[in-house]
Amino acid sequence: MLELTIFNIGNLLQKGFGEKGANIVTKTLTYDERFMELNIPGRKVNIIFSVCKIRQFSETTDCL
């Protein structure tokens, strides 16, 4: 049960942060000599964020 819970938490993190975010979380939580080292330099990444709002979505899907 504990293993399944940990797997589900990891799954949710991956879905929430996406592929790149999952890689960052994995590298951060992987145990090595620099575990949770907060002074390592970061990397700059470019992202695109978009929002789409559909008015009267329920009514439109009912018609389809």
PDB file of N, CA and C in Angstrom:
ATOM      1  N   MET A   1       0.829  -1.190   0.000  1.00  0.00           N
ATOM      2  CA  MET A   1       0.000   0.000   0.000  1.00  0.00           C
ATOM      3  C   MET A   1       0.878   1.261   0.000  1.00  0.00           C
ATOM      4  N   LEU A   2       1.960   1.227   0.781  1.00  0.00           N
ATOM      5  CA  LEU A   2       2.868   2.366   0.813  1.00  0.00           C
ATOM      6  C   LEU A   2       3.541   2.582  -0.539  1.00  0.00           C
ATOM      7  N   GLU A   3       3.955   1.487  -1.174  1.00  0.00           N
ATOM      8  CA  GLU A   3       4.599   1.577  -2.481  1.00  0.00           C
ATOM      9  C   GLU A   3       3.648   2.168  -3.518  1.00  0.00           C
ATOM     10  N   LEU A   4       2.388   1.752  -3.486  1.00  0.00           N
ATOM     11  CA  LEU A   4       1.388   2.283  -4.410  1.00  0.00           C
ATOM     12  C   LEU A   4       1.152   3.770  -4.167  1.00  0.00           C
ATOM     13  N   THR A   5       1.114   4.184  -2.912  1.00  0.00           N
ATOM     14  CA  THR A   5       0.927   5.595  -2.579  1.00  0.00           C
ATOM     15  C   THR A   5       2.084   6.439  -3.093  1.00  0.00           C
ATOM     16  N   ILE A   6       3.309   5.961  -2.884  1.00  0.00           N
ATOM     17  CA  ILE A   6       4.478   6.692  -3.376  1.00  0.00           C
ATOM     18  C   ILE A   6       4.454   6.774  -4.899  1.00  0.00           C
ATOM     19  N   PHE A   7       4.075   5.683  -5.559  1.00  0.00           N
ATOM     20  CA  PHE A   7       3.959   5.683  -7.020  1.00  0.00           C
ATOM     21  C   PHE A   7       2.925   6.705  -7.483  1.00  0.00           C
ATOM     22  N   ASN A   8       1.772   6.760  -6.794  1.00  0.00           N
ATOM     23  CA  ASN A   8       0.717   7.712  -7.167  1.00  0.00           C
ATOM     24  C   ASN A   8       1.168   9.155  -6.971  1.00  0.00           C
ATOM     25  N   ILE A   9       1.885   9.420  -5.898  1.00  0.00           N
ATOM     26  CA  ILE A   9       2.397  10.779  -5.670  1.00  0.00           C
ATOM     27  C   ILE A   9       3.371  11.161  -6.778  1.00  0.00           C
ATOM     28  N   GLY A  10       4.254  10.247  -7.135  1.00  0.00           N
ATOM     29  CA  GLY A  10       5.183  10.501  -8.238  1.00  0.00           C
ATOM     30  C   GLY A  10       4.466  10.735  -9.545  1.00  0.00           C
ATOM     31  N   ASN A  11       3.415   9.982  -9.789  1.00  0.00           N
ATOM     32  CA  ASN A  11       2.608  10.156 -10.999  1.00  0.00           C
ATOM     33  C   ASN A  11       1.963  11.535 -11.039  1.00  0.00           C
ATOM     34  N   LEU A  12       1.418  11.967  -9.916  1.00  0.00           N
ATOM     35  CA  LEU A  12       0.785  13.286  -9.849  1.00  0.00           C
ATOM     36  C   LEU A  12       1.812  14.407 -10.050  1.00  0.00           C
ATOM     37  N   LEU A  13       2.994  14.247  -9.467  1.00  0.00           N
ATOM     38  CA  LEU A  13       4.048  15.238  -9.679  1.00  0.00           C
ATOM     39  C   LEU A  13       4.429  15.323 -11.145  1.00  0.00           C
ATOM     40  N   GLN A  14       4.539  14.181 -11.802  1.00  0.00           N
ATOM     41  CA  GLN A  14       4.914  14.170 -13.209  1.00  0.00           C
ATOM     42  C   GLN A  14       3.847  14.839 -14.062  1.00  0.00           C
ATOM     43  N   LYS A  15       2.586  14.563 -13.778  1.00  0.00           N
ATOM     44  CA  LYS A  15       1.508  15.185 -14.542  1.00  0.00           C
ATOM     45  C   LYS A  15       1.417  16.678 -14.259  1.00  0.00           C
ATOM     46  N   GLY A  16       1.646  17.066 -13.014  1.00  0.00           N
ATOM     47  CA  GLY A  16       1.544  18.479 -12.650  1.00  0.00           C
ATOM     48  C   GLY A  16       2.678  19.329 -13.188  1.00  0.00           C
ATOM     49  N   PHE A  17       3.892  18.789 -13.173  1.00  0.00           N
ATOM     50  CA  PHE A  17       5.056  19.551 -13.608  1.00  0.00           C
ATOM     51  C   PHE A  17       5.437  19.290 -15.054  1.00  0.00           C
ATOM     52  N   GLY A  18       4.889  18.272 -15.678  1.00  0.00           N
ATOM     53  CA  GLY A  18       5.245  17.945 -17.047  1.00  0.00           C
ATOM     54  C   GLY A  18       6.567  17.185 -17.118  1.00  0.00           C
ATOM     55  N   GLU A  19       7.025  16.951 -18.340  1.00  0.00           N
ATOM     56  CA  GLU A  19       8.234  16.144 -18.543  1.00  0.00           C
ATOM     57  C   GLU A  19       9.476  16.814 -17.978  1.00  0.00           C
ATOM     58  N   LYS A  20       9.665  18.084 -18.276  1.00  0.00           N
ATOM     59  CA  LYS A  20      10.857  18.789 -17.783  1.00  0.00           C
ATOM     60  C   LYS A  20      10.823  18.939 -16.269  1.00  0.00           C
ATOM     61  N   GLY A  21       9.670  19.259 -15.722  1.00  0.00           N
ATOM     62  CA  GLY A  21       9.545  19.383 -14.276  1.00  0.00           C
ATOM     63  C   GLY A  21       9.793  18.068 -13.563  1.00  0.00           C
ATOM     64  N   ALA A  22       9.338  16.966 -14.175  1.00  0.00           N
ATOM     65  CA  ALA A  22       9.571  15.648 -13.590  1.00  0.00           C
ATOM     66  C   ALA A  22      11.062  15.335 -13.552  1.00  0.00           C
ATOM     67  N   ASN A  23      11.788  15.727 -14.598  1.00  0.00           N
ATOM     68  CA  ASN A  23      13.240  15.519 -14.606  1.00  0.00           C
ATOM     69  C   ASN A  23      13.922  16.311 -13.498  1.00  0.00           C
ATOM     70  N   ILE A  24      13.472  17.532 -13.274  1.00  0.00           N
ATOM     71  CA  ILE A  24      14.051  18.371 -12.225  1.00  0.00           C
ATOM     72  C   ILE A  24      13.779  17.762 -10.855  1.00  0.00           C
ATOM     73  N   VAL A  25      12.534  17.322 -10.623  1.00  0.00           N
ATOM     74  CA  VAL A  25      12.185  16.711  -9.342  1.00  0.00           C
ATOM     75  C   VAL A  25      12.995  15.435  -9.132  1.00  0.00           C
ATOM     76  N   THR A  26      13.138  14.633 -10.177  1.00  0.00           N
ATOM     77  CA  THR A  26      13.915  13.395 -10.071  1.00  0.00           C
ATOM     78  C   THR A  26      15.359  13.677  -9.706  1.00  0.00           C
ATOM     79  N   LYS A  27      15.971  14.642 -10.381  1.00  0.00           N
ATOM     80  CA  LYS A  27      17.365  14.971 -10.100  1.00  0.00           C
ATOM     81  C   LYS A  27      17.524  15.550  -8.697  1.00  0.00           C
ATOM     82  N   THR A  28      16.544  16.310  -8.244  1.00  0.00           N
ATOM     83  CA  THR A  28      16.618  16.914  -6.919  1.00  0.00           C
ATOM     84  C   THR A  28      16.482  15.867  -5.819  1.00  0.00           C
ATOM     85  N   LEU A  29      15.589  14.899  -6.015  1.00  0.00           N
ATOM     86  CA  LEU A  29      15.324  13.918  -4.965  1.00  0.00           C
ATOM     87  C   LEU A  29      16.207  12.679  -5.036  1.00  0.00           C
ATOM     88  N   THR A  30      17.000  12.542  -6.093  1.00  0.00           N
ATOM     89  CA  THR A  30      17.900  11.394  -6.188  1.00  0.00           C
ATOM     90  C   THR A  30      19.045  11.582  -5.212  1.00  0.00           C
ATOM     91  N   TYR A  31      19.289  10.585  -4.410  1.00  0.00           N
ATOM     92  CA  TYR A  31      20.312  10.696  -3.368  1.00  0.00           C
ATOM     93  C   TYR A  31      21.708  10.610  -3.966  1.00  0.00           C
ATOM     94  N   ASP A  32      22.518  11.565  -3.676  1.00  0.00           N
ATOM     95  CA  ASP A  32      23.943  11.529  -3.977  1.00  0.00           C
ATOM     96  C   ASP A  32      24.645  12.431  -2.971  1.00  0.00           C
ATOM     97  N   GLU A  33      25.922  12.719  -3.206  1.00  0.00           N
ATOM     98  CA  GLU A  33      26.671  13.521  -2.234  1.00  0.00           C
ATOM     99  C   GLU A  33      26.181  14.967  -2.157  1.00  0.00           C
ATOM    100  N   ARG A  34      25.432  15.421  -3.152  1.00  0.00           N
ATOM    101  CA  ARG A  34      24.914  16.796  -3.149  1.00  0.00           C
ATOM    102  C   ARG A  34      23.418  16.822  -2.829  1.00  0.00           C
ATOM    103  N   PHE A  35      22.913  15.833  -2.096  1.00  0.00           N
ATOM    104  CA  PHE A  35      21.475  15.714  -1.836  1.00  0.00           C
ATOM    105  C   PHE A  35      20.920  17.012  -1.251  1.00  0.00           C
ATOM    106  N   MET A  36      19.931  17.552  -1.917  1.00  0.00           N
ATOM    107  CA  MET A  36      19.264  18.793  -1.518  1.00  0.00           C
ATOM    108  C   MET A  36      20.243  19.954  -1.407  1.00  0.00           C
ATOM    109  N   GLU A  37      21.222  19.983  -2.281  1.00  0.00           N
ATOM    110  CA  GLU A  37      22.173  21.095  -2.326  1.00  0.00           C
ATOM    111  C   GLU A  37      21.460  22.278  -2.977  1.00  0.00           C
ATOM    112  N   LEU A  38      21.262  23.341  -2.214  1.00  0.00           N
ATOM    113  CA  LEU A  38      20.493  24.485  -2.704  1.00  0.00           C
ATOM    114  C   LEU A  38      21.359  25.545  -3.373  1.00  0.00           C
ATOM    115  N   ASN A  39      22.672  25.392  -3.336  1.00  0.00           N
ATOM    116  CA  ASN A  39      23.553  26.404  -3.901  1.00  0.00           C
ATOM    117  C   ASN A  39      24.067  26.065  -5.290  1.00  0.00           C
ATOM    118  N   ILE A  40      23.565  24.977  -5.907  1.00  0.00           N
ATOM    119  CA  ILE A  40      24.005  24.667  -7.257  1.00  0.00           C
ATOM    120  C   ILE A  40      23.301  25.591  -8.232  1.00  0.00           C
ATOM    121  N   PRO A  41      23.977  26.010  -9.294  1.00  0.00           N
ATOM    122  CA  PRO A  41      23.367  26.955 -10.229  1.00  0.00           C
ATOM    123  C   PRO A  41      22.199  26.319 -10.985  1.00  0.00           C
ATOM    124  N   GLY A  42      21.251  27.151 -11.327  1.00  0.00           N
ATOM    125  CA  GLY A  42      20.088  26.680 -12.071  1.00  0.00           C
ATOM    126  C   GLY A  42      20.286  26.815 -13.564  1.00  0.00           C
ATOM    127  N   ARG A  43      19.245  26.501 -14.311  1.00  0.00           N
ATOM    128  CA  ARG A  43      19.257  26.633 -15.759  1.00  0.00           C
ATOM    129  C   ARG A  43      18.074  27.479 -16.176  1.00  0.00           C
ATOM    130  N   LYS A  44      18.258  28.275 -17.182  1.00  0.00           N
ATOM    131  CA  LYS A  44      17.182  29.097 -17.705  1.00  0.00           C
ATOM    132  C   LYS A  44      16.482  28.332 -18.820  1.00  0.00           C
ATOM    133  N   VAL A  45      15.157  28.265 -18.758  1.00  0.00           N
ATOM    134  CA  VAL A  45      14.377  27.590 -19.790  1.00  0.00           C
ATOM    135  C   VAL A  45      13.286  28.529 -20.270  1.00  0.00           C
ATOM    136  N   ASN A  46      12.909  28.391 -21.503  1.00  0.00           N
ATOM    137  CA  ASN A  46      11.821  29.172 -22.085  1.00  0.00           C
ATOM    138  C   ASN A  46      10.589  28.284 -22.180  1.00  0.00           C
ATOM    139  N   ILE A  47       9.437  28.826 -21.784  1.00  0.00           N
ATOM    140  CA  ILE A  47       8.198  28.069 -21.853  1.00  0.00           C
ATOM    141  C   ILE A  47       7.117  28.931 -22.497  1.00  0.00           C
ATOM    142  N   ILE A  48       6.101  28.279 -22.954  1.00  0.00           N
ATOM    143  CA  ILE A  48       4.927  28.959 -23.499  1.00  0.00           C
ATOM    144  C   ILE A  48       3.734  28.535 -22.652  1.00  0.00           C
ATOM    145  N   PHE A  49       2.980  29.517 -22.183  1.00  0.00           N
ATOM    146  CA  PHE A  49       1.819  29.252 -21.351  1.00  0.00           C
ATOM    147  C   PHE A  49       0.604  29.831 -22.057  1.00  0.00           C
ATOM    148  N   SER A  50      -0.440  29.060 -22.166  1.00  0.00           N
ATOM    149  CA  SER A  50      -1.618  29.504 -22.903  1.00  0.00           C
ATOM    150  C   SER A  50      -2.878  29.134 -22.135  1.00  0.00           C
ATOM    151  N   VAL A  51      -3.893  29.975 -22.251  1.00  0.00           N
ATOM    152  CA  VAL A  51      -5.196  29.717 -21.634  1.00  0.00           C
ATOM    153  C   VAL A  51      -6.260  29.904 -22.701  1.00  0.00           C
ATOM    154  N   CYS A  52      -7.192  28.998 -22.731  1.00  0.00           N
ATOM    155  CA  CYS A  52      -8.299  29.093 -23.684  1.00  0.00           C
ATOM    156  C   CYS A  52      -9.602  28.979 -22.907  1.00  0.00           C
ATOM    157  N   LYS A  53     -10.459  29.955 -23.064  1.00  0.00           N
ATOM    158  CA  LYS A  53     -11.750  29.927 -22.374  1.00  0.00           C
ATOM    159  C   LYS A  53     -12.848  29.800 -23.422  1.00  0.00           C
ATOM    160  N   ILE A  54     -13.687  28.796 -23.265  1.00  0.00           N
ATOM    161  CA  ILE A  54     -14.783  28.567 -24.194  1.00  0.00           C
ATOM    162  C   ILE A  54     -16.073  28.920 -23.477  1.00  0.00           C
ATOM    163  N   ARG A  55     -16.739  29.929 -23.974  1.00  0.00           N
ATOM    164  CA  ARG A  55     -18.004  30.342 -23.368  1.00  0.00           C
ATOM    165  C   ARG A  55     -19.092  29.341 -23.716  1.00  0.00           C
ATOM    166  N   GLN A  56     -19.961  29.088 -22.775  1.00  0.00           N
ATOM    167  CA  GLN A  56     -21.098  28.175 -22.925  1.00  0.00           C
ATOM    168  C   GLN A  56     -20.637  26.803 -23.416  1.00  0.00           C
ATOM    169  N   PHE A  57     -19.596  26.279 -22.771  1.00  0.00           N
ATOM    170  CA  PHE A  57     -19.016  25.001 -23.184  1.00  0.00           C
ATOM    171  C   PHE A  57     -20.018  23.864 -23.078  1.00  0.00           C
ATOM    172  N   SER A  58     -20.768  23.805 -21.991  1.00  0.00           N
ATOM    173  CA  SER A  58     -21.738  22.714 -21.789  1.00  0.00           C
ATOM    174  C   SER A  58     -22.806  22.703 -22.873  1.00  0.00           C
ATOM    175  N   GLU A  59     -23.327  23.868 -23.208  1.00  0.00           N
ATOM    176  CA  GLU A  59     -24.352  23.962 -24.225  1.00  0.00           C
ATOM    177  C   GLU A  59     -23.791  23.565 -25.605  1.00  0.00           C
ATOM    178  N   THR A  60     -22.571  23.977 -25.873  1.00  0.00           N
ATOM    179  CA  THR A  60     -21.947  23.633 -27.159  1.00  0.00           C
ATOM    180  C   THR A  60     -21.743  22.146 -27.291  1.00  0.00           C
ATOM    181  N   THR A  61     -21.250  21.498 -26.225  1.00  0.00           N
ATOM    182  CA  THR A  61     -21.027  20.049 -26.311  1.00  0.00           C
ATOM    183  C   THR A  61     -22.343  19.275 -26.366  1.00  0.00           C
ATOM    184  N   ASP A  62     -23.402  19.816 -25.752  1.00  0.00           N
ATOM    185  CA  ASP A  62     -24.701  19.164 -25.858  1.00  0.00           C
ATOM    186  C   ASP A  62     -25.199  19.163 -27.297  1.00  0.00           C
ATOM    187  N   CYS A  63     -24.935  20.246 -28.013  1.00  0.00           N
ATOM    188  CA  CYS A  63     -25.374  20.325 -29.426  1.00  0.00           C
ATOM    189  C   CYS A  63     -24.576  19.361 -30.298  1.00  0.00           C
ATOM    190  N   LEU A  64     -23.329  19.144 -29.962  1.00  0.00           N
ATOM    191  CA  LEU A  64     -22.512  18.244 -30.773  1.00  0.00           C
ATOM    192  C   LEU A  64     -22.922  16.808 -30.569  1.00  0.00           C
TER     193      LEU A  64
END
